[in-house]
Amino acid sequence: MKQKKISKALSLAIASTIVFTNFFSIGLTSKTYAIAEGNLETQDVQTNSGNIEFDAFYMNNNQKTHEIEKELNNSDLELCLYTNVKKGYIKNAKIQIKGENNTKANIKLQDNQTPPELVETIDKDNNQIILKQLNTGTNSTFKVKVDSIKDDKYDISNIEKINEIQLIGTYVNNQGKEKELDKTIQIKNKWTAEAKVEIFQETESCIPYKNEEEEGIILQTKVQTGLENNVAPIKLTLVKIQVPIIKGKVLKDVKIVGNTLATNNKQEDVFEKSSWTLDKEKGIITIIQKNEVRRR
């Protein structure tokens, strides 16, 4: 995650450098639910072949459910996948995990997990599971571990999203006749996070100066803020800095410069005046950093 750094030079008083952490870039995609939320639990497990059944679900408190809410950093979530081959067999089968309407899912297959017995390969890069041949009489539920998606550019719709679990393959009946198999089950994942704010401050430099017109101090400090363990995207950060009076001298000037893309989507550029305010009478600098939603 890129950090943000703001430096402020001033005369006759002090100000601070500030570093914001945990800033995902937030994007927003529109979404519509093809299946009403109340009907997720009534989806038909029958595929386009009358002899094959397929389902995808979670277990929560020993109850089967197609909707679940978990912490963003949870690493124990298991997706249950059910297949039942009554007659014939399935070859060249895979299970694809994707978001609704061909978007990116907000879950991903976990790294370094042992494939279950019916699974040939877990392809985490493409978020899909390659199955072995499923023969007549296969009636099994296996589990794979999934994590939340946390990209540097964070799509805010990933906080709550309908995912599609799609079984694709070729069904061969008892007479050897082939038919393309395609069945999709929808599940809903909600992600939450308990945010604990972290803040750190230190002095970086203190430079006294004197010229024919005035004397004072240029003091630069650093304030670092963020969320512990980078648990979630930050929508807005507001920081107020109280500038002390030194030897009766008050704040004269402030300059704010951002030097990474993570601060204001610019590099090595003066912070826009709209992003901060200065109350000279009270000696307070207020900085507001918004993580704007980018619509696609």
Protein backbone atom coordinates (compact mmCIF):
# COMPACT_ATOMS: atom_id res chain seq x y z
CA MET A 1 0.00 0.00 0.00
CA LYS A 2 1.37 3.40 -0.93
CA GLN A 3 1.61 5.93 1.87
CA LYS A 4 0.93 9.63 1.74
CA LYS A 5 3.20 12.35 2.93
CA ILE A 6 2.44 16.03 3.38
CA SER A 7 5.10 18.52 4.40
CA LYS A 8 4.40 22.01 5.75
CA ALA A 9 6.97 24.76 6.00
CA LEU A 10 6.15 27.73 8.23
CA SER A 11 7.64 30.78 9.81
CA LEU A 12 7.57 31.71 13.48
CA ALA A 13 5.87 28.50 14.60
CA ILE A 14 5.57 24.81 13.81
CA ALA A 15 3.49 22.52 11.66
CA SER A 16 3.59 18.87 10.68
CA THR A 17 4.30 16.40 7.93
CA ILE A 18 1.47 13.89 7.74
CA VAL A 19 1.44 10.39 6.33
CA PHE A 20 -1.86 8.64 5.58
CA THR A 21 -1.79 4.86 5.34
CA ASN A 22 -4.33 2.22 4.31
CA PHE A 23 -5.76 4.23 1.43
CA PHE A 24 -7.19 1.88 -1.15
CA SER A 25 -8.32 3.53 -4.32
CA ILE A 26 -12.07 3.04 -4.25
CA GLY A 27 -14.03 2.16 -7.37
CA LEU A 28 -17.73 1.64 -7.80
CA THR A 29 -19.59 -0.57 -10.23
CA SER A 30 -23.34 -0.69 -10.54
CA LYS A 31 -25.01 -3.95 -9.57
CA THR A 32 -28.38 -5.61 -9.94
CA TYR A 33 -29.38 -8.85 -8.31
CA ALA A 34 -30.82 -11.36 -10.78
CA ILE A 35 -32.18 -13.41 -7.90
CA ALA A 36 -34.05 -11.55 -5.18
CA GLU A 37 -32.15 -11.80 -1.91
CA GLY A 38 -34.97 -13.68 -0.22
CA ASN A 39 -34.84 -16.42 -2.89
CA LEU A 40 -31.17 -17.38 -2.60
CA GLU A 41 -32.16 -20.29 -0.38
CA THR A 42 -34.75 -21.63 -2.84
CA GLN A 43 -32.49 -22.08 -5.87
CA ASP A 44 -33.00 -25.30 -7.82
CA VAL A 45 -30.03 -27.67 -7.69
CA GLN A 46 -31.17 -29.43 -10.87
CA THR A 47 -28.89 -28.77 -13.85
CA ASN A 48 -29.80 -28.69 -17.55
CA SER A 49 -29.31 -32.46 -17.42
CA GLY A 50 -32.00 -34.24 -15.42
CA ASN A 51 -29.43 -36.66 -14.02
CA ILE A 52 -27.05 -34.09 -12.47
CA GLU A 53 -27.47 -31.91 -9.39
CA PHE A 54 -25.18 -29.10 -8.27
CA ASP A 55 -25.17 -26.65 -5.38
CA ALA A 56 -22.79 -24.17 -3.72
CA PHE A 57 -23.35 -22.91 -0.19
CA TYR A 58 -21.85 -22.17 3.22
CA MET A 59 -22.41 -23.73 6.63
CA ASN A 60 -23.19 -21.27 9.42
CA ASN A 61 -23.97 -22.56 12.90
CA ASN A 62 -24.59 -26.00 11.37
CA GLN A 63 -27.14 -24.50 8.98
CA LYS A 64 -26.87 -24.49 5.19
CA THR A 65 -26.97 -20.96 3.75
CA HIS A 66 -26.27 -19.15 0.49
CA GLU A 67 -25.53 -15.86 2.25
CA ILE A 68 -22.84 -15.21 4.84
CA GLU A 69 -21.15 -12.31 6.63
CA LYS A 70 -17.53 -12.54 7.77
CA GLU A 71 -14.60 -10.35 8.83
CA LEU A 72 -12.42 -9.16 5.95
CA ASN A 73 -9.36 -10.84 7.47
CA ASN A 74 -11.12 -14.15 8.09
CA SER A 75 -9.08 -17.08 6.75
CA ASP A 76 -11.34 -19.99 7.74
CA LEU A 77 -14.30 -19.51 5.38
CA GLU A 78 -15.13 -22.69 3.46
CA LEU A 79 -17.27 -22.85 0.34
CA CYS A 80 -19.22 -26.13 0.12
CA LEU A 81 -19.72 -27.67 -3.34
CA TYR A 82 -22.26 -30.43 -3.88
CA THR A 83 -22.48 -32.72 -6.92
CA ASN A 84 -24.79 -35.68 -7.54
CA VAL A 85 -24.44 -37.84 -10.65
CA LYS A 86 -27.49 -40.09 -10.85
CA LYS A 87 -26.75 -41.62 -14.27
CA GLY A 88 -23.96 -41.27 -16.84
CA TYR A 89 -20.84 -39.28 -16.04
CA ILE A 90 -19.31 -35.79 -16.31
CA LYS A 91 -16.00 -35.12 -18.05
CA ASN A 92 -13.89 -31.97 -18.58
CA ALA A 93 -15.69 -30.31 -15.68
CA LYS A 94 -14.69 -27.17 -13.83
CA ILE A 95 -16.25 -24.85 -11.28
CA GLN A 96 -15.77 -21.14 -11.98
CA ILE A 97 -16.11 -18.47 -9.27
CA LYS A 98 -17.07 -15.04 -10.57
CA GLY A 99 -19.14 -12.03 -9.69
CA GLU A 100 -22.67 -11.42 -10.90
CA ASN A 101 -23.05 -10.21 -14.50
CA ASN A 102 -19.51 -11.39 -15.38
CA THR A 103 -17.83 -9.08 -12.86
CA LYS A 104 -14.98 -10.04 -10.59
CA ALA A 105 -16.00 -12.01 -7.50
CA ASN A 106 -15.41 -10.62 -4.02
CA ILE A 107 -14.05 -14.01 -2.94
CA LYS A 108 -10.96 -15.84 -4.14
CA LEU A 109 -9.67 -19.36 -3.74
CA GLN A 110 -7.18 -19.51 -0.90
CA ASP A 111 -3.51 -20.21 -1.56
CA ASN A 112 -1.78 -23.46 -0.61
CA GLN A 113 -4.76 -25.69 0.09
CA THR A 114 -4.85 -29.41 -0.58
CA PRO A 115 -7.31 -30.33 -3.37
CA PRO A 116 -10.24 -32.49 -2.18
CA GLU A 117 -10.63 -36.01 -3.57
CA LEU A 118 -12.87 -35.04 -6.52
CA VAL A 119 -10.62 -32.13 -7.53
CA GLU A 120 -7.80 -32.37 -10.07
CA THR A 121 -6.42 -28.85 -9.62
CA ILE A 122 -7.23 -25.62 -7.77
CA ASP A 123 -6.45 -22.77 -10.15
CA LYS A 124 -6.35 -19.78 -7.81
CA ASP A 125 -5.11 -17.41 -10.52
CA ASN A 126 -8.30 -17.92 -12.55
CA ASN A 127 -10.50 -18.56 -9.51
CA GLN A 128 -11.59 -21.96 -10.76
CA ILE A 129 -11.57 -25.59 -9.69
CA ILE A 130 -10.74 -28.31 -12.22
CA LEU A 131 -12.64 -31.52 -11.42
CA LYS A 132 -11.77 -35.13 -12.05
CA GLN A 133 -14.23 -37.26 -14.04
CA LEU A 134 -17.41 -37.65 -12.00
CA ASN A 135 -18.94 -41.07 -12.53
CA THR A 136 -22.39 -42.56 -11.90
CA GLY A 137 -23.15 -42.65 -8.19
CA THR A 138 -20.98 -39.68 -7.27
CA ASN A 139 -22.92 -37.95 -4.51
CA SER A 140 -20.55 -35.79 -2.58
CA THR A 141 -20.00 -32.42 -0.93
CA PHE A 142 -16.45 -31.10 -0.73
CA LYS A 143 -15.09 -27.85 0.67
CA VAL A 144 -12.57 -25.27 -0.54
CA LYS A 145 -11.26 -22.32 1.44
CA VAL A 146 -11.92 -18.81 0.15
CA ASP A 147 -10.68 -15.35 1.17
CA SER A 148 -11.94 -11.82 0.61
CA ILE A 149 -10.68 -9.77 -2.31
CA LYS A 150 -8.55 -6.80 -1.23
CA ASP A 151 -7.02 -5.18 -4.30
CA ASP A 152 -5.00 -1.94 -4.20
CA LYS A 153 -7.76 -0.41 -6.26
CA TYR A 154 -10.72 -1.39 -4.15
CA ASP A 155 -14.16 -1.81 -5.72
CA ILE A 156 -16.55 -0.73 -2.98
CA SER A 157 -19.16 -3.19 -4.24
CA ASN A 158 -16.87 -5.95 -2.92
CA ILE A 159 -18.05 -5.17 0.60
CA GLU A 160 -21.31 -6.91 -0.27
CA LYS A 161 -21.76 -8.85 -3.48
CA ILE A 162 -23.61 -11.65 -5.23
CA ASN A 163 -21.14 -14.24 -6.52
CA GLU A 164 -21.87 -16.88 -9.13
CA ILE A 165 -20.55 -20.42 -8.77
CA GLN A 166 -20.75 -22.03 -12.20
CA LEU A 167 -20.39 -25.73 -13.02
CA ILE A 168 -19.29 -26.29 -16.64
CA GLY A 169 -18.50 -29.59 -18.33
CA THR A 170 -19.69 -32.31 -20.64
CA TYR A 171 -22.36 -34.76 -19.52
CA VAL A 172 -22.33 -38.22 -21.14
CA ASN A 173 -25.46 -40.35 -20.67
CA ASN A 174 -25.62 -44.14 -20.52
CA GLN A 175 -26.00 -44.33 -24.31
CA GLY A 176 -22.81 -42.29 -24.82
CA LYS A 177 -24.63 -39.18 -25.98
CA GLU A 178 -22.90 -35.94 -24.93
CA LYS A 179 -24.48 -32.72 -23.71
CA GLU A 180 -22.85 -29.51 -22.53
CA LEU A 181 -23.45 -29.02 -18.83
CA ASP A 182 -23.92 -25.52 -17.40
CA LYS A 183 -25.36 -24.70 -14.00
CA THR A 184 -24.94 -21.54 -11.90
CA ILE A 185 -25.69 -21.09 -8.20
CA GLN A 186 -25.65 -17.64 -6.63
CA ILE A 187 -24.25 -16.93 -3.18
CA LYS A 188 -23.91 -13.65 -1.32
CA ASN A 189 -20.82 -12.55 0.59
CA LYS A 190 -20.77 -9.63 3.02
CA TRP A 191 -17.48 -8.49 4.51
CA THR A 192 -17.09 -6.44 7.68
CA ALA A 193 -14.11 -5.01 9.53
CA GLU A 194 -13.46 -3.66 13.00
CA ALA A 195 -11.30 -0.61 12.37
CA LYS A 196 -8.74 0.44 14.97
CA VAL A 197 -7.10 3.78 14.22
CA GLU A 198 -3.34 4.06 14.53
CA ILE A 199 -1.49 7.38 14.90
CA PHE A 200 2.20 8.18 15.24
CA GLN A 201 4.02 11.52 15.43
CA GLU A 202 7.67 12.56 15.36
CA THR A 203 9.75 15.68 14.68
CA GLU A 204 11.72 15.56 11.45
CA SER A 205 13.56 18.89 11.49
CA CYS A 206 13.81 22.16 13.45
CA ILE A 207 15.55 25.06 11.71
CA PRO A 208 15.88 28.51 13.37
CA TYR A 209 16.30 31.39 10.96
CA LYS A 210 16.83 35.14 11.05
CA ASN A 211 16.92 37.80 8.37
CA GLU A 212 16.63 41.58 8.19
CA GLU A 213 12.85 41.49 8.46
CA GLU A 214 12.07 38.68 10.91
CA GLU A 215 13.24 35.67 12.82
CA GLY A 216 11.53 32.40 13.58
CA ILE A 217 11.58 28.64 13.37
CA ILE A 218 10.83 26.28 10.52
CA LEU A 219 9.74 23.07 12.18
CA GLN A 220 8.63 19.96 10.36
CA THR A 221 6.98 17.03 12.11
CA LYS A 222 5.48 13.83 10.78
CA VAL A 223 2.09 12.42 11.74
CA GLN A 224 1.22 8.97 10.46
CA THR A 225 -2.35 7.67 10.52
CA GLY A 226 -4.08 4.57 9.29
CA LEU A 227 -6.01 1.46 10.27
CA GLU A 228 -4.40 -1.41 12.11
CA ASN A 229 -3.63 -4.38 9.83
CA ASN A 230 -4.92 -2.46 6.81
CA VAL A 231 -8.34 -4.01 7.40
CA ALA A 232 -10.46 -1.86 5.08
CA PRO A 233 -10.42 1.05 2.65
CA ILE A 234 -10.59 4.53 4.18
CA LYS A 235 -13.22 6.80 2.71
CA LEU A 236 -12.13 10.01 4.44
CA THR A 237 -9.37 11.10 6.80
CA LEU A 238 -9.63 14.31 8.83
CA VAL A 239 -6.62 15.50 10.82
CA LYS A 240 -6.45 18.60 13.02
CA ILE A 241 -3.05 19.91 14.07
CA GLN A 242 -2.79 22.36 16.95
CA VAL A 243 0.19 24.64 16.37
CA PRO A 244 1.83 25.75 19.63
CA ILE A 245 2.96 29.30 20.35
CA ILE A 246 6.73 29.56 20.71
CA LYS A 247 8.10 32.59 22.55
CA GLY A 248 4.94 34.49 21.78
CA LYS A 249 5.25 33.79 18.06
CA VAL A 250 2.26 32.44 16.19
CA LEU A 251 1.82 30.61 12.91
CA LYS A 252 2.60 32.69 9.87
CA ASP A 253 2.56 30.39 6.85
CA VAL A 254 1.79 26.80 5.83
CA LYS A 255 2.81 24.89 2.74
CA ILE A 256 1.48 21.41 2.03
CA VAL A 257 3.07 19.17 -0.58
CA GLY A 258 1.97 15.65 -1.52
CA ASN A 259 4.67 13.42 -2.91
CA THR A 260 2.87 10.16 -3.78
CA LEU A 261 -0.12 9.21 -5.89
CA ALA A 262 -1.80 7.93 -2.76
CA THR A 263 -2.27 11.42 -1.30
CA ASN A 264 -4.07 13.36 -3.98
CA ASN A 265 -3.60 11.35 -7.18
CA LYS A 266 -0.66 13.59 -8.08
CA GLN A 267 3.06 13.27 -7.61
CA GLU A 268 5.34 15.94 -6.15
CA ASP A 269 2.61 18.57 -6.33
CA VAL A 270 1.32 21.23 -3.99
CA PHE A 271 -1.76 20.09 -2.13
CA GLU A 272 -4.90 21.80 -3.32
CA LYS A 273 -6.07 24.54 -0.96
CA SER A 274 -9.51 22.94 -0.89
CA SER A 275 -7.96 19.97 0.94
CA TRP A 276 -6.95 21.95 4.03
CA THR A 277 -7.79 25.04 6.05
CA LEU A 278 -5.84 27.27 8.43
CA ASP A 279 -7.27 29.08 11.43
CA LYS A 280 -4.48 31.51 12.34
CA GLU A 281 -6.28 32.88 15.40
CA LYS A 282 -6.68 29.44 16.97
CA GLY A 283 -3.50 28.02 15.43
CA ILE A 284 -5.26 25.00 13.94
CA ILE A 285 -4.50 23.32 10.61
CA THR A 286 -7.29 21.04 9.37
CA ILE A 287 -6.55 18.54 6.59
CA ILE A 288 -9.29 16.56 4.87
CA GLN A 289 -8.24 13.74 2.54
CA LYS A 290 -11.06 12.08 0.61
CA ASN A 291 -10.72 8.73 -1.09
CA GLU A 292 -13.14 9.47 -3.90
CA VAL A 293 -15.24 6.75 -5.46
CA ARG A 294 -14.32 6.25 -9.10
CA ARG A 295 -17.30 5.12 -11.15
CA ARG A 296 -16.74 2.79 -14.08
